[in-house]
N, C-alpha and C. Protein backbone atom coordinates (compact mmCIF):
# COMPACT_ATOMS: atom_id res chain seq x y z
N UNK A 1 165.51 144.64 81.95
CA UNK A 1 165.84 145.65 81.27
C UNK A 1 164.88 146.48 80.67
N UNK A 2 164.63 147.93 80.83
CA UNK A 2 163.20 148.74 80.35
C UNK A 2 164.22 149.33 79.06
N UNK A 3 163.29 149.52 78.03
CA UNK A 3 163.97 149.83 76.80
C UNK A 3 162.69 151.01 76.29
N UNK A 4 163.23 152.50 75.88
CA UNK A 4 162.47 152.98 75.55
C UNK A 4 162.17 153.37 74.01
N UNK A 5 161.36 153.07 73.14
CA UNK A 5 161.63 153.11 71.75
C UNK A 5 160.65 154.25 71.50
N UNK A 6 161.26 154.88 70.47
CA UNK A 6 160.60 155.98 70.02
C UNK A 6 160.98 156.02 68.34
N UNK A 7 159.70 155.21 68.21
CA UNK A 7 159.51 154.90 66.00
C UNK A 7 158.20 154.85 66.02
N UNK A 8 157.68 155.62 64.98
CA UNK A 8 156.41 156.22 64.42
C UNK A 8 155.62 155.02 63.61
N UNK A 9 156.61 154.17 63.20
CA UNK A 9 156.00 152.86 62.18
C UNK A 9 155.64 151.97 63.37
N UNK A 10 154.19 151.49 62.97
CA UNK A 10 153.77 150.75 64.22
C UNK A 10 154.45 149.05 63.86
N UNK A 11 154.22 148.85 62.74
CA UNK A 11 154.87 147.61 62.43
C UNK A 11 155.68 147.24 62.70
N UNK A 12 157.16 148.34 62.70
CA UNK A 12 158.15 148.17 63.47
C UNK A 12 158.24 147.99 65.12
N UNK A 13 157.44 148.68 65.53
CA UNK A 13 157.31 148.90 66.94
C UNK A 13 156.76 147.56 67.61
N UNK A 14 156.01 147.10 66.83
CA UNK A 14 155.19 145.49 67.38
C UNK A 14 156.14 144.33 66.71
N UNK A 15 156.77 144.61 65.81
CA UNK A 15 157.98 143.67 65.80
C UNK A 15 159.25 143.59 66.67
N UNK A 16 159.41 144.78 66.94
CA UNK A 16 160.58 144.95 67.82
C UNK A 16 160.23 144.75 69.76
N UNK A 17 159.24 145.18 70.08
CA UNK A 17 158.26 144.65 71.31
C UNK A 17 158.16 142.83 71.36
N UNK A 18 157.86 142.67 70.41
CA UNK A 18 157.62 141.12 70.06
C UNK A 18 159.20 140.22 70.35
N UNK A 19 159.59 140.79 69.66
CA UNK A 19 161.20 139.83 69.43
C UNK A 19 162.22 140.15 70.67
N UNK A 20 162.14 141.40 71.20
CA UNK A 20 162.73 141.67 72.60
C UNK A 20 162.42 141.26 73.67
N UNK A 21 160.91 140.97 74.09
CA UNK A 21 160.79 140.23 74.77
C UNK A 21 160.88 138.94 75.44
N UNK A 22 161.77 138.28 74.05
CA UNK A 22 162.34 137.18 73.91
C UNK A 22 163.72 136.99 74.69
N UNK A 23 164.10 138.33 75.11
CA UNK A 23 165.43 138.42 75.90
C UNK A 23 165.63 139.53 77.04
N UNK A 24 164.43 139.21 77.25
CA UNK A 24 163.82 139.74 78.98
C UNK A 24 164.12 141.25 78.68
N UNK A 25 163.91 141.85 77.66
CA UNK A 25 163.72 143.06 77.38
C UNK A 25 162.31 143.49 77.62
N UNK A 26 162.16 144.52 77.95
CA UNK A 26 160.73 145.32 78.77
C UNK A 26 160.55 146.36 77.63
N UNK A 27 159.88 146.36 76.42
CA UNK A 27 159.61 147.85 75.58
C UNK A 27 158.67 148.54 75.92
N UNK A 28 158.92 149.83 76.05
CA UNK A 28 157.73 150.83 75.98
C UNK A 28 157.61 151.71 74.96
N UNK A 29 156.79 151.63 74.12
CA UNK A 29 156.76 152.15 72.40
C UNK A 29 156.10 153.60 72.46
N UNK A 30 156.62 154.46 71.51
CA UNK A 30 155.85 155.70 71.61
C UNK A 30 156.13 156.20 70.12
N UNK A 31 155.14 156.53 69.35
CA UNK A 31 155.13 157.35 68.23
C UNK A 31 155.21 158.79 67.96
N UNK A 32 154.89 159.19 69.29
CA UNK A 32 155.32 160.60 69.27
C UNK A 32 156.56 160.68 70.36
N UNK A 33 157.81 161.67 69.46
CA UNK A 33 159.02 162.15 70.44
C UNK A 33 158.34 162.85 71.87
N UNK A 34 157.53 163.64 71.58
CA UNK A 34 157.39 164.38 72.48
C UNK A 34 157.03 163.94 73.58
N UNK A 35 156.05 162.92 73.45
CA UNK A 35 155.66 162.08 74.79
C UNK A 35 156.71 161.21 75.51
N UNK A 36 157.65 160.66 74.14
CA UNK A 36 159.12 159.73 74.51
C UNK A 36 159.59 160.75 75.45
N UNK A 37 159.70 161.49 75.01
CA UNK A 37 160.68 162.59 76.15
C UNK A 37 160.35 163.35 77.54
N UNK A 38 158.99 163.20 77.24
CA UNK A 38 158.13 163.27 79.01
C UNK A 38 158.27 161.92 79.79
N UNK A 39 157.92 160.91 79.49
CA UNK A 39 157.92 159.53 80.01
C UNK A 39 159.18 159.52 80.46
N UNK A 40 160.44 160.04 79.36
CA UNK A 40 161.88 160.04 80.02
C UNK A 40 162.08 160.58 80.92
N UNK A 41 161.55 161.68 81.36
CA UNK A 41 161.68 163.19 82.66
C UNK A 41 161.00 162.33 83.44
N UNK A 42 160.41 161.28 83.39
CA UNK A 42 159.23 161.35 84.40
C UNK A 42 160.16 161.14 85.79
N UNK A 43 159.69 161.73 87.29
CA UNK A 43 160.55 160.72 88.55
C UNK A 43 160.32 159.38 88.35
N UNK A 44 159.59 158.68 87.99
CA UNK A 44 159.40 157.08 88.08
C UNK A 44 160.15 156.61 86.68
N UNK A 45 160.80 157.08 86.02
CA UNK A 45 161.62 156.80 84.90
C UNK A 45 162.78 155.69 85.18
N UNK A 46 162.59 154.61 84.74
CA UNK A 46 163.30 153.74 85.06
C UNK A 46 164.36 153.08 83.67
N UNK A 47 164.29 153.61 82.49
CA UNK A 47 164.59 153.08 81.79
C UNK A 47 166.28 153.12 81.22
N UNK A 48 166.83 151.72 80.56
CA UNK A 48 168.25 151.94 80.53
C UNK A 48 168.83 151.67 78.94
N UNK A 49 167.98 151.98 78.28
CA UNK A 49 168.40 152.34 76.98
C UNK A 49 167.18 152.83 76.29
N UNK A 50 167.77 153.69 74.95
CA UNK A 50 166.96 154.25 73.98
C UNK A 50 166.92 153.82 72.30
N UNK A 51 166.15 153.25 71.77
CA UNK A 51 166.04 152.78 70.67
C UNK A 51 165.40 154.16 69.74
N UNK A 52 165.94 154.64 69.08
CA UNK A 52 165.32 156.17 68.03
C UNK A 52 165.39 156.33 66.84
N UNK A 53 164.11 156.07 66.55
CA UNK A 53 164.53 156.38 64.74
C UNK A 53 164.56 158.06 64.57
N UNK A 54 164.96 158.22 63.54
CA UNK A 54 165.11 159.52 63.08
C UNK A 54 163.80 160.14 62.40
N UNK A 55 163.36 159.93 61.44
CA UNK A 55 162.07 160.22 60.67
C UNK A 55 161.24 160.12 61.65
N UNK A 56 160.73 161.04 62.02
CA UNK A 56 159.42 161.39 63.52
C UNK A 56 158.65 162.47 63.06
N UNK A 57 157.24 162.11 63.48
CA UNK A 57 156.13 163.36 63.92
C UNK A 57 156.49 164.45 64.54
N UNK A 58 156.27 165.84 64.51
CA UNK A 58 156.23 166.85 65.84
C UNK A 58 157.94 167.21 65.96
N UNK A 59 159.07 166.49 65.68
CA UNK A 59 160.06 166.58 66.12
C UNK A 59 161.13 166.01 65.21
N UNK A 60 162.06 166.40 64.95
CA UNK A 60 163.31 165.33 64.08
C UNK A 60 163.99 164.75 64.92
N UNK A 61 164.34 163.73 64.62
CA UNK A 61 164.95 162.54 65.42
C UNK A 61 166.45 163.11 66.04
N UNK A 62 167.27 163.35 65.53
CA UNK A 62 168.73 164.30 65.90
C UNK A 62 168.37 165.00 67.01
N UNK A 63 166.98 166.08 66.45
CA UNK A 63 166.88 166.99 67.58
C UNK A 63 166.42 166.48 69.01
N UNK A 64 165.63 164.94 69.10
CA UNK A 64 165.01 163.91 70.24
C UNK A 64 166.48 163.79 70.55
N UNK A 65 167.28 163.11 69.67
CA UNK A 65 168.59 162.57 70.62
C UNK A 65 169.14 163.83 71.62
N UNK A 66 169.57 165.33 71.01
CA UNK A 66 170.02 166.11 71.55
C UNK A 66 169.22 166.61 72.90
N UNK A 67 168.36 166.69 72.89
CA UNK A 67 167.22 166.52 74.03
C UNK A 67 167.40 165.67 74.85
N UNK A 68 167.62 164.46 74.64
CA UNK A 68 167.63 163.29 75.86
C UNK A 68 169.05 163.24 76.23
N UNK A 69 170.03 164.14 75.22
CA UNK A 69 171.32 163.87 76.08
C UNK A 69 171.80 164.71 76.88
N UNK A 70 170.81 166.26 76.76
CA UNK A 70 171.04 167.57 77.59
C UNK A 70 170.44 167.27 79.05
N UNK A 71 169.68 166.13 79.08
CA UNK A 71 169.48 165.70 80.15
C UNK A 71 169.78 164.48 80.71
N UNK A 72 170.28 163.74 79.75
CA UNK A 72 170.60 161.95 80.85
C UNK A 72 171.42 161.62 80.18
N UNK A 73 172.34 160.77 80.43
CA UNK A 73 173.69 160.14 79.99
C UNK A 73 173.29 158.53 79.54
N UNK A 74 171.97 158.31 79.17
CA UNK A 74 171.20 157.07 78.93
C UNK A 74 171.52 156.44 77.47
N UNK A 75 171.94 155.59 77.41
CA UNK A 75 172.48 155.11 76.00
C UNK A 75 171.34 154.89 75.11
N UNK A 76 172.07 155.61 73.74
CA UNK A 76 170.79 155.74 72.72
C UNK A 76 171.49 155.00 71.28
N UNK A 77 170.45 154.37 70.85
CA UNK A 77 170.85 153.25 69.57
C UNK A 77 169.89 154.14 68.47
N UNK A 78 170.83 154.91 67.61
CA UNK A 78 169.94 155.47 66.47
C UNK A 78 169.17 154.12 65.14
N UNK A 79 168.24 154.04 65.06
CA UNK A 79 167.56 152.76 64.25
C UNK A 79 166.98 153.69 63.22
N UNK A 80 167.18 153.57 61.84
CA UNK A 80 167.06 154.73 61.11
C UNK A 80 167.06 154.22 59.42
N UNK A 81 166.20 154.12 58.77
CA UNK A 81 166.39 153.81 57.02
C UNK A 81 167.27 154.89 56.46
N UNK A 82 167.36 155.95 57.21
CA UNK A 82 168.90 156.84 56.77
C UNK A 82 169.96 156.51 57.24
N UNK A 83 170.98 155.79 56.02
CA UNK A 83 172.07 155.13 56.57
C UNK A 83 173.38 155.81 56.07
N UNK A 84 172.98 157.35 55.60
CA UNK A 84 174.41 157.78 54.87
C UNK A 84 175.44 158.03 56.04
N UNK A 85 176.58 158.09 55.59
CA UNK A 85 177.56 158.64 56.53
C UNK A 85 177.34 160.00 57.15
N UNK A 86 176.96 160.81 56.32
CA UNK A 86 176.44 162.17 57.17
C UNK A 86 175.67 161.89 58.17
N UNK A 87 174.36 161.91 58.37
CA UNK A 87 173.73 161.35 59.03
C UNK A 87 173.93 160.54 60.52
N UNK A 88 175.19 159.31 60.40
CA UNK A 88 175.65 158.64 61.29
C UNK A 88 176.66 160.25 62.07
N UNK A 89 177.23 160.91 61.42
CA UNK A 89 177.92 161.67 62.01
C UNK A 89 177.48 162.49 62.57
N UNK A 90 176.33 163.20 62.01
CA UNK A 90 175.45 163.88 63.16
C UNK A 90 174.95 163.50 64.20
N UNK A 91 174.68 162.40 64.08
CA UNK A 91 174.05 161.31 65.32
C UNK A 91 174.96 161.39 66.10
N UNK A 92 176.38 160.58 66.03
CA UNK A 92 177.23 160.85 66.90
C UNK A 92 177.72 162.34 67.49
N UNK A 93 177.30 163.04 67.06
CA UNK A 93 177.85 164.15 67.25
C UNK A 93 177.00 164.83 68.45
N UNK A 94 175.67 164.50 68.11
CA UNK A 94 174.44 164.62 69.24
C UNK A 94 174.39 164.01 70.24
N UNK A 95 175.26 162.77 70.14
CA UNK A 95 175.30 161.66 71.74
C UNK A 95 174.97 160.54 71.40
N UNK A 96 174.91 160.34 70.44
CA UNK A 96 173.93 158.85 70.08
C UNK A 96 175.49 157.92 70.40
N UNK A 97 175.19 156.73 70.95
CA UNK A 97 175.79 155.46 71.33
C UNK A 97 176.23 154.27 70.04
N UNK A 98 175.31 154.15 69.14
CA UNK A 98 175.47 153.35 68.04
C UNK A 98 174.34 153.89 67.02
N UNK A 99 174.53 153.60 65.72
CA UNK A 99 173.86 153.92 64.94
C UNK A 99 173.47 152.47 63.89
N UNK A 100 172.15 152.03 63.38
CA UNK A 100 171.96 151.11 63.24
C UNK A 100 171.06 151.24 62.16
N UNK A 101 171.36 150.81 60.57
CA UNK A 101 170.87 151.40 59.54
C UNK A 101 169.57 150.51 58.99
N UNK A 102 168.13 150.92 58.70
CA UNK A 102 167.59 149.83 58.56
C UNK A 102 167.68 148.98 56.82
N UNK A 103 167.35 148.20 56.40
CA UNK A 103 166.30 147.19 57.47
C UNK A 103 167.60 146.54 58.16
N UNK A 104 167.47 145.90 59.33
CA UNK A 104 168.31 144.70 60.05
C UNK A 104 167.83 144.05 60.73
N UNK A 105 168.23 142.81 60.94
CA UNK A 105 168.19 141.61 61.77
C UNK A 105 167.78 142.16 63.37
N UNK A 106 166.37 141.86 63.57
CA UNK A 106 166.77 142.13 65.25
C UNK A 106 167.47 141.89 66.15
N UNK A 107 167.77 140.62 65.39
CA UNK A 107 169.62 139.75 66.26
C UNK A 107 170.35 140.64 66.54
N UNK A 108 170.67 141.53 65.54
CA UNK A 108 171.75 142.36 65.39
C UNK A 108 171.35 143.61 66.52
N UNK A 109 170.52 144.10 66.24
CA UNK A 109 170.01 145.17 67.54
C UNK A 109 169.87 144.37 69.03
N UNK A 110 169.63 143.44 69.12
CA UNK A 110 169.90 143.03 70.55
C UNK A 110 171.55 142.64 70.77
N UNK A 111 172.28 141.85 69.72
CA UNK A 111 173.61 142.03 70.37
C UNK A 111 173.87 143.49 70.54
N UNK A 112 173.37 144.58 69.70
CA UNK A 112 174.33 145.97 69.88
C UNK A 112 173.77 146.36 71.61
N UNK A 113 172.40 145.99 71.59
CA UNK A 113 172.06 146.69 73.25
C UNK A 113 172.96 146.03 74.19
N UNK A 114 173.30 144.85 73.58
CA UNK A 114 173.63 144.00 75.01
C UNK A 114 175.38 144.45 74.90
N UNK A 115 176.06 144.65 74.15
CA UNK A 115 177.37 145.21 74.30
C UNK A 115 177.38 146.63 74.76
N UNK A 116 176.30 147.43 74.66
CA UNK A 116 176.08 148.65 75.09
C UNK A 116 176.17 148.82 76.53
N UNK A 117 175.11 147.87 76.84
CA UNK A 117 174.64 147.58 78.14
C UNK A 117 175.58 147.05 79.19
N UNK A 118 176.08 146.44 78.42
CA UNK A 118 177.55 145.56 79.45
C UNK A 118 178.95 146.71 79.32
N UNK A 119 178.98 147.77 78.76
CA UNK A 119 179.98 148.66 79.06
C UNK A 119 179.16 149.37 79.79
N UNK A 120 178.09 149.67 79.74
CA UNK A 120 177.40 150.92 80.82
C UNK A 120 177.26 149.91 82.09
N UNK A 121 176.74 148.96 82.75
CA UNK A 121 176.53 147.95 83.69
C UNK A 121 177.50 147.52 84.10
N UNK A 122 178.89 147.06 83.40
CA UNK A 122 179.76 146.39 83.98
C UNK A 122 179.32 144.81 84.44
N UNK A 123 178.05 144.63 83.51
CA UNK A 123 177.31 143.19 84.71
C UNK A 123 177.34 142.33 83.42
N UNK A 124 178.05 141.13 83.50
CA UNK A 124 177.45 139.93 82.63
C UNK A 124 176.25 139.97 82.61
N UNK A 125 175.14 139.49 81.87
CA UNK A 125 174.01 139.40 81.75
C UNK A 125 173.39 138.04 81.64
N UNK A 126 173.27 137.21 82.71
CA UNK A 126 173.07 135.80 82.80
C UNK A 126 171.77 135.60 83.30
N UNK A 127 170.94 134.96 82.85
CA UNK A 127 169.77 134.31 83.06
C UNK A 127 169.87 133.11 83.70
N UNK A 128 169.23 132.73 84.91
CA UNK A 128 168.97 130.93 85.21
C UNK A 128 167.58 131.04 84.84
N UNK A 129 167.54 129.29 84.52
CA UNK A 129 166.20 128.64 84.09
C UNK A 129 166.25 127.55 84.52
N UNK A 130 166.07 127.17 86.13
CA UNK A 130 165.76 125.84 86.62
C UNK A 130 167.46 125.73 86.81
N UNK A 131 168.14 124.42 86.29
CA UNK A 131 169.34 123.89 86.40
C UNK A 131 170.04 124.52 85.20
N UNK A 132 169.74 125.37 84.27
CA UNK A 132 170.28 126.28 83.17
C UNK A 132 170.90 127.69 83.17
N UNK A 133 171.55 128.02 82.85
CA UNK A 133 171.94 129.48 82.68
C UNK A 133 172.30 130.01 81.14
N UNK A 134 171.60 130.94 80.78
CA UNK A 134 172.24 131.73 79.31
C UNK A 134 173.08 133.13 79.76
N UNK A 135 174.14 132.62 79.36
CA UNK A 135 175.17 133.96 79.15
C UNK A 135 174.67 134.68 77.37
N UNK A 136 173.97 135.50 77.49
CA UNK A 136 173.85 136.10 75.94
C UNK A 136 175.32 136.75 75.36
N UNK A 137 175.95 137.37 76.58
CA UNK A 137 177.24 137.90 76.20
C UNK A 137 178.26 136.87 75.34
N UNK A 138 178.01 135.93 75.92
CA UNK A 138 179.29 134.96 75.51
C UNK A 138 178.53 134.04 74.51
N UNK A 139 177.33 134.28 74.46
CA UNK A 139 176.41 133.06 73.71
C UNK A 139 176.77 131.71 74.00
N UNK A 140 176.33 131.42 75.22
CA UNK A 140 176.80 130.20 75.77
C UNK A 140 175.60 129.61 76.68
N UNK A 141 175.22 128.75 77.02
CA UNK A 141 174.24 127.87 77.81
C UNK A 141 175.16 126.78 78.85
N UNK A 142 174.96 126.54 79.63
CA UNK A 142 175.39 126.13 80.88
C UNK A 142 174.36 125.20 81.77
N UNK A 143 174.55 124.05 81.67
CA UNK A 143 173.71 123.08 82.56
C UNK A 143 174.41 122.72 83.87
N UNK A 144 174.09 123.34 84.94
CA UNK A 144 174.56 122.93 86.14
C UNK A 144 176.16 122.97 86.15
N UNK A 145 176.38 124.49 85.61
CA UNK A 145 177.74 125.23 85.77
C UNK A 145 178.62 124.40 84.62
N UNK A 146 177.96 123.53 83.98
CA UNK A 146 178.88 123.06 82.63
C UNK A 146 178.39 123.60 81.72
N UNK A 147 179.21 124.46 80.92
CA UNK A 147 179.01 125.02 79.57
C UNK A 147 178.74 123.51 78.34
N UNK A 148 177.57 123.74 78.00
CA UNK A 148 176.80 122.79 77.01
C UNK A 148 177.94 123.11 75.33
N UNK A 149 178.21 121.81 74.76
CA UNK A 149 178.70 122.43 73.49
C UNK A 149 177.82 122.46 72.74
N UNK A 150 177.49 123.83 72.35
CA UNK A 150 175.81 123.96 71.31
C UNK A 150 176.52 124.63 69.93
N UNK A 151 176.18 124.39 69.13
CA UNK A 151 176.34 125.07 67.44
C UNK A 151 175.69 126.32 67.87
N UNK A 152 175.59 127.16 66.71
CA UNK A 152 175.18 128.69 66.86
C UNK A 152 173.52 128.13 66.82
N UNK A 153 172.86 127.62 65.83
CA UNK A 153 171.63 127.29 65.77
C UNK A 153 170.75 126.47 66.99
N UNK A 154 171.54 125.65 67.50
CA UNK A 154 171.30 124.83 68.46
C UNK A 154 171.23 125.72 69.73
N UNK A 155 171.88 126.76 70.10
CA UNK A 155 172.09 127.44 71.00
C UNK A 155 171.11 128.83 70.81
N UNK A 156 170.67 128.94 70.01
CA UNK A 156 169.21 130.23 69.50
C UNK A 156 168.11 129.34 69.59
N UNK A 157 167.60 127.92 69.24
CA UNK A 157 167.01 127.21 69.40
C UNK A 157 166.74 127.05 71.07
N UNK A 158 168.05 126.64 71.27
CA UNK A 158 167.50 126.37 72.87
C UNK A 158 167.31 127.53 74.08
N UNK A 159 167.73 129.04 73.62
CA UNK A 159 167.64 129.84 74.06
C UNK A 159 166.30 130.66 73.88
N UNK A 160 165.41 130.08 72.88
CA UNK A 160 164.05 130.19 72.67
C UNK A 160 163.49 129.37 73.46
N UNK A 161 163.67 128.20 73.33
CA UNK A 161 163.03 127.24 74.56
C UNK A 161 163.29 128.25 76.18
N UNK A 162 164.16 128.18 76.61
CA UNK A 162 164.37 128.79 77.92
C UNK A 162 163.70 129.99 78.26
N UNK A 163 163.84 130.49 77.18
CA UNK A 163 163.10 132.10 77.37
C UNK A 163 161.42 132.10 77.29
N UNK A 164 160.92 131.22 76.99
CA UNK A 164 159.74 130.70 76.98
C UNK A 164 159.39 129.21 77.73
N UNK A 165 159.39 129.35 78.81
CA UNK A 165 159.58 128.11 79.46
C UNK A 165 157.93 127.90 79.25
N UNK A 166 157.25 126.20 79.23
CA UNK A 166 155.79 125.88 79.42
C UNK A 166 155.15 126.82 78.45
N UNK A 167 155.68 126.88 77.18
CA UNK A 167 154.90 127.26 75.92
C UNK A 167 154.77 127.02 74.88
N UNK A 168 154.12 126.24 74.62
CA UNK A 168 153.84 125.25 72.97
C UNK A 168 154.70 125.95 71.66
N UNK A 169 155.87 125.81 71.25
CA UNK A 169 156.29 126.52 70.31
C UNK A 169 156.25 125.80 68.81
N UNK A 170 155.25 125.98 67.86
CA UNK A 170 155.47 125.41 66.72
C UNK A 170 156.70 125.57 65.58
N UNK A 171 157.03 124.27 65.32
CA UNK A 171 157.91 124.53 63.86
C UNK A 171 158.14 125.68 63.36
N UNK A 172 157.04 126.11 62.79
CA UNK A 172 157.37 127.43 62.11
C UNK A 172 157.60 128.64 63.06
N UNK A 173 157.10 128.35 64.39
CA UNK A 173 157.58 129.81 64.81
C UNK A 173 159.14 130.03 65.14
N UNK A 174 159.48 128.43 65.18
CA UNK A 174 160.78 128.48 65.81
C UNK A 174 161.74 129.07 64.15
N UNK A 175 161.56 128.33 63.07
CA UNK A 175 161.98 128.92 61.95
C UNK A 175 162.09 130.31 61.92
N UNK A 176 160.55 130.95 61.95
CA UNK A 176 160.69 132.57 62.41
C UNK A 176 161.77 133.34 63.03
N UNK A 177 161.83 132.63 63.96
CA UNK A 177 162.72 133.22 65.62
C UNK A 177 163.94 133.61 64.48
N UNK A 178 164.50 132.06 63.88
CA UNK A 178 165.81 132.07 63.28
C UNK A 178 166.30 133.19 62.78
N UNK A 179 164.97 133.77 61.61
CA UNK A 179 165.31 135.04 60.81
C UNK A 179 166.15 134.09 59.46
N UNK A 180 166.11 135.23 58.75
CA UNK A 180 166.74 134.90 57.07
C UNK A 180 168.12 134.47 57.22
N UNK A 181 168.68 133.99 58.28
CA UNK A 181 170.16 133.42 58.46
C UNK A 181 169.67 131.75 57.75
N UNK A 182 168.21 131.36 58.24
CA UNK A 182 167.74 130.10 58.14
C UNK A 182 166.72 129.98 57.43
N UNK A 183 166.31 130.80 56.47
CA UNK A 183 165.07 130.98 56.03
C UNK A 183 164.66 129.70 55.05
N UNK A 184 165.51 129.16 54.84
CA UNK A 184 165.08 127.83 53.80
C UNK A 184 165.19 126.43 55.09
N UNK A 185 165.20 126.79 56.05
CA UNK A 185 165.02 125.34 57.16
C UNK A 185 164.24 124.68 57.14
N UNK A 186 164.20 123.42 57.16
CA UNK A 186 162.80 122.70 57.24
C UNK A 186 162.49 121.96 58.48
N UNK A 187 161.18 121.46 58.35
CA UNK A 187 160.87 121.19 59.57
C UNK A 187 161.81 119.99 60.18
N UNK A 188 162.01 119.03 59.06
CA UNK A 188 163.04 117.73 59.57
C UNK A 188 164.33 118.44 60.81
N UNK A 189 164.53 119.72 59.43
CA UNK A 189 165.91 120.08 60.49
C UNK A 189 166.00 120.64 61.66
N UNK A 190 164.76 121.20 61.45
CA UNK A 190 164.34 121.25 63.35
C UNK A 190 164.30 120.13 64.07
N UNK A 191 163.99 119.51 63.53
CA UNK A 191 163.56 118.08 64.55
C UNK A 191 165.20 117.50 64.80
N UNK A 192 166.16 117.62 64.09
CA UNK A 192 167.32 117.36 63.86
C UNK A 192 167.84 117.92 65.17
N UNK A 193 167.93 119.30 65.03
CA UNK A 193 169.19 120.14 65.89
C UNK A 193 167.77 120.01 67.27
N UNK A 194 167.03 119.72 67.72
CA UNK A 194 166.28 119.78 68.94
C UNK A 194 166.79 118.30 69.08
N UNK A 195 166.62 116.92 68.43
CA UNK A 195 167.00 115.96 68.77
C UNK A 195 168.67 115.94 69.39
N UNK A 196 169.73 116.87 68.66
CA UNK A 196 170.83 117.07 69.00
C UNK A 196 170.78 117.68 70.41
N UNK A 197 170.18 118.69 70.76
CA UNK A 197 170.10 119.14 71.87
C UNK A 197 169.40 118.32 73.33
N UNK A 198 168.63 117.50 72.91
CA UNK A 198 168.19 116.44 73.86
C UNK A 198 169.70 115.64 74.23
N UNK A 199 170.21 115.40 73.32
CA UNK A 199 171.10 114.63 73.33
C UNK A 199 172.46 115.05 74.25
N UNK A 200 172.61 116.39 73.90
CA UNK A 200 173.36 117.02 75.12
C UNK A 200 173.09 117.70 76.21
N UNK A 201 172.11 117.43 76.56
CA UNK A 201 171.39 117.83 77.55
C UNK A 201 171.02 116.54 78.69
N UNK A 202 170.99 115.41 77.92
CA UNK A 202 170.86 114.07 78.65
C UNK A 202 169.44 113.86 79.04
N UNK A 203 168.17 114.37 77.82
CA UNK A 203 166.84 114.45 77.82
C UNK A 203 166.41 113.37 77.04
N UNK A 204 165.83 112.09 77.50
CA UNK A 204 164.88 111.46 76.33
C UNK A 204 163.93 111.46 76.10
N UNK A 205 163.63 111.72 74.87
CA UNK A 205 162.59 112.17 74.18
C UNK A 205 161.25 111.18 74.48
N UNK A 206 161.61 109.96 74.87
CA UNK A 206 160.48 109.12 75.32
C UNK A 206 159.90 109.63 76.90
N UNK A 207 160.46 109.77 77.45
CA UNK A 207 160.39 110.36 78.81
C UNK A 207 160.52 111.57 79.23
N UNK A 208 160.63 112.62 78.30
CA UNK A 208 161.24 113.98 78.38
C UNK A 208 161.15 114.73 79.72
N UNK A 209 162.35 115.00 79.90
CA UNK A 209 162.53 116.18 81.51
C UNK A 209 162.21 117.46 81.13
N UNK A 210 162.96 117.80 80.12
CA UNK A 210 163.17 119.15 79.49
C UNK A 210 162.26 119.68 78.57
N UNK A 211 162.50 118.90 77.53
CA UNK A 211 161.92 119.32 75.88
C UNK A 211 160.65 118.11 75.74
N UNK A 212 159.57 118.61 75.56
CA UNK A 212 158.53 117.72 75.30
C UNK A 212 157.89 118.01 74.04
N UNK A 213 157.97 116.73 73.54
CA UNK A 213 157.36 116.59 71.78
C UNK A 213 155.75 117.03 72.30
N UNK A 214 154.91 118.24 71.10
CA UNK A 214 153.58 118.18 71.48
C UNK A 214 152.98 117.82 69.90
N UNK A 215 152.39 116.70 69.86
CA UNK A 215 152.41 115.88 68.86
C UNK A 215 151.53 117.11 67.63
N UNK A 216 151.85 116.95 66.39
CA UNK A 216 151.11 117.47 65.33
C UNK A 216 151.65 119.04 65.23
N UNK A 217 152.12 119.69 66.23
CA UNK A 217 152.49 121.07 66.41
C UNK A 217 153.80 121.44 66.76
N UNK A 218 154.82 120.63 67.90
CA UNK A 218 156.07 121.46 67.75
C UNK A 218 156.58 120.87 69.45
N UNK A 219 157.07 121.64 69.91
CA UNK A 219 157.74 121.19 71.65
C UNK A 219 157.40 122.15 72.61
N UNK A 220 157.68 121.71 73.43
CA UNK A 220 157.34 123.02 74.79
C UNK A 220 158.61 122.45 76.12
N UNK A 221 159.17 123.49 76.53
CA UNK A 221 160.09 123.73 77.31
C UNK A 221 159.73 123.18 78.72
N UNK A 222 159.95 122.31 79.27
CA UNK A 222 159.23 122.20 80.73
C UNK A 222 159.93 123.11 82.06
N UNK A 223 159.31 123.90 82.07
CA UNK A 223 160.29 124.94 83.23
C UNK A 223 159.67 124.80 84.81
């Protein structure tokens, strides 16, 4: 899925680009709303969804939303620090599909994007990695068509591995990915959750077929 991000905060741009790629979203970002509108109108444009800030240079975000909606029915999610009810009403009047007030966890943006795209495409987003399948809509992972009995944190960690095959992931990067819900998680706790995942996918840590320990660093999913 290809996402058009219109956001002039470059730190926010980088954060969302990096985060969303873990969920197979390709993000093309613009700080200039006029350049973004031009890209959306291009004949080769193949965007699936727009994430739009309101406080932009050149053009107000509401005007951007209105211009996009006049030419396209592409889903639009407003991502803005302006979270009052009046702004939300105007955004929906101008054709926005959803409104997310900053600050927010990137995971919430992913869930809202998934929900909107599911309604639009009427397709379940399932990704296959070897003998595993990730159903992000149901937050389930299957192994050879059998749904694994994973806790929420186990699902999050194993999804990260499956979306990053053959990449070494440190314990710190795993903790950062999990976000503020698990900001106090310790290395020992991460090791415990990975041990539980291994047990559920019948993976022996001494001769790992799936999740390999990388001494002194972390883990790597063998894809």
